[in-house]
C-alpha cells in the first residue's frame, strides 16, 4: 500500500464516520487529550461493571470504591462537552457554557 493511499485512507474513513469536522479542527495535543479521556472513561466503565457484576470479588461491597469510580467516570464528561458539540475551536453557545460550568461545579465537591 503506497503512502499516498494510506494518507487518503484515514481521512476517508473518518469522513464516513462523520468525524472530519472534529478531528481535523483539533490540534495534536487536544486530540490526544480527548482520545485519552475517552479511553479512560471506557476503562472506568469496564472496571465499574466488573465491581458490580462479579459476585466473588473481595472488594465488591466497598461503597467507597464504587463511589470513587462513579465520581471519576462522571467527572470526565463535562470537560469533553465542547468536543461533543463540535465547538472546540470557536465561541461556544451560551447554553453549552452554562451547562458545562454547572456540571463542573457539581463534580468538584464529589
Protein backbone atom coordinates (compact mmCIF):
# COMPACT_ATOMS: atom_id res chain seq x y z
CA UNK A 1 0.00 0.00 0.00
CA UNK A 2 1.55 3.29 -1.03
CA UNK A 3 1.95 6.20 1.37
CA UNK A 4 -0.45 8.32 -0.70
CA UNK A 5 -3.15 5.70 -0.36
CA UNK A 6 -2.52 5.44 3.39
CA UNK A 7 -2.69 9.22 3.78
CA UNK A 8 -6.01 9.30 1.92
CA UNK A 9 -7.46 6.28 3.71
CA UNK A 10 -7.61 7.82 7.19
CA UNK A 11 -9.50 10.99 6.15
CA UNK A 12 -11.86 8.84 4.07
CA UNK A 13 -12.65 6.53 7.00
CA UNK A 14 -13.09 9.47 9.34
CA UNK A 15 -15.42 11.20 6.89
CA UNK A 16 -17.52 8.03 6.63
CA UNK A 17 -17.82 8.04 10.43
CA UNK A 18 -18.76 11.72 10.48
CA UNK A 19 -15.68 12.74 12.48
CA UNK A 20 -13.97 15.01 9.95
CA UNK A 21 -15.13 18.33 11.45
CA UNK A 22 -13.98 17.26 14.90
CA UNK A 23 -10.66 15.61 14.17
CA UNK A 24 -9.15 17.98 11.67
CA UNK A 25 -10.02 21.13 13.64
CA UNK A 26 -8.19 19.93 16.75
CA UNK A 27 -4.53 20.40 17.45
CA UNK A 28 -2.45 17.31 18.14
CA UNK A 29 -2.39 17.95 21.90
CA UNK A 30 -6.16 18.48 22.12
CA UNK A 31 -6.80 15.36 20.04
CA UNK A 32 -4.50 13.31 22.29
CA UNK A 33 -6.24 14.67 25.41
CA UNK A 34 -9.73 13.88 24.12
CA UNK A 35 -8.65 10.42 22.96
CA UNK A 36 -7.07 9.55 26.30
CA UNK A 37 -10.09 10.95 28.12
CA UNK A 38 -12.49 8.77 26.14
CA UNK A 39 -10.29 5.66 26.52
CA UNK A 40 -10.00 6.30 30.26
CA UNK A 41 -13.77 6.71 30.53
CA UNK A 42 -14.33 3.38 28.79
CA UNK A 43 -11.83 1.67 31.10
CA UNK A 44 -13.52 3.17 34.16
CA UNK A 45 -16.87 1.91 32.92
CA UNK A 46 -15.42 -1.59 32.46
CA UNK A 47 -13.90 -1.52 35.94
CA UNK A 48 -17.16 -0.29 37.46
CA UNK A 49 -19.08 -3.00 35.63
CA UNK A 50 -16.63 -5.59 36.93
CA UNK A 51 -17.17 -4.42 40.51
CA UNK A 52 -20.94 -4.54 40.10
CA UNK A 53 -21.34 -7.78 38.15
CA UNK A 54 -18.70 -10.14 39.59
CA UNK A 55 -20.12 -11.74 42.72
CA UNK A 56 -17.00 -13.27 44.29
CA UNK A 57 -14.81 -10.16 44.17
CA UNK A 58 -13.41 -9.38 47.65
CA UNK A 59 -13.85 -5.58 47.48
CA UNK A 60 -17.25 -5.72 45.78
CA UNK A 61 -19.19 -4.31 48.71
CA UNK A 62 -16.79 -1.44 49.30
CA UNK A 63 -19.07 1.56 48.78
CA UNK A 64 -16.15 3.98 48.86
CA UNK A 65 -14.54 2.30 45.86
CA UNK A 66 -17.81 2.27 43.91
CA UNK A 67 -18.38 5.95 44.77
CA UNK A 68 -14.83 6.78 43.69
CA UNK A 69 -15.26 5.02 40.34
CA UNK A 70 -18.63 6.63 39.66
CA UNK A 71 -17.22 10.07 40.56
CA UNK A 72 -14.21 9.64 38.28
CA UNK A 73 -16.45 8.39 35.46
CA UNK A 74 -18.87 11.31 35.77
CA UNK A 75 -16.03 13.81 36.20
CA UNK A 76 -14.65 13.09 32.73
CA UNK A 77 -17.83 14.01 30.84
CA UNK A 78 -18.10 17.83 31.30
CA UNK A 79 -14.60 18.69 30.04
CA UNK A 80 -15.44 16.97 26.73
CA UNK A 81 -18.78 18.71 26.15
CA UNK A 82 -17.27 21.26 23.76
CA UNK A 83 -15.74 18.43 21.75
CA UNK A 84 -19.02 16.53 21.58
CA UNK A 85 -20.87 19.66 20.43
CA UNK A 86 -18.21 20.43 17.80
CA UNK A 87 -17.50 23.87 19.30
CA UNK A 88 -13.91 23.35 20.45
CA UNK A 89 -12.39 25.87 18.05
CA UNK A 90 -14.69 28.87 18.27
CA UNK A 91 -17.00 30.62 20.66
CA UNK A 92 -19.47 28.09 22.08
CA UNK A 93 -23.13 28.76 22.64
CA UNK A 94 -24.19 30.31 25.93
CA UNK A 95 -26.27 27.29 26.98
CA UNK A 96 -23.28 25.00 26.42
CA UNK A 97 -21.03 27.14 28.61
CA UNK A 98 -23.71 27.30 31.26
CA UNK A 99 -24.28 23.54 31.24
CA UNK A 100 -20.55 22.82 31.38
CA UNK A 101 -19.98 25.21 34.29
CA UNK A 102 -22.92 23.80 36.26
CA UNK A 103 -21.73 20.23 35.73
CA UNK A 104 -18.13 21.07 36.62
CA UNK A 105 -19.30 22.93 39.71
CA UNK A 106 -21.32 19.91 40.82
CA UNK A 107 -18.44 17.48 40.32
CA UNK A 108 -15.88 19.41 42.35
CA UNK A 109 -17.41 18.61 45.79
CA UNK A 110 -17.72 14.92 44.96
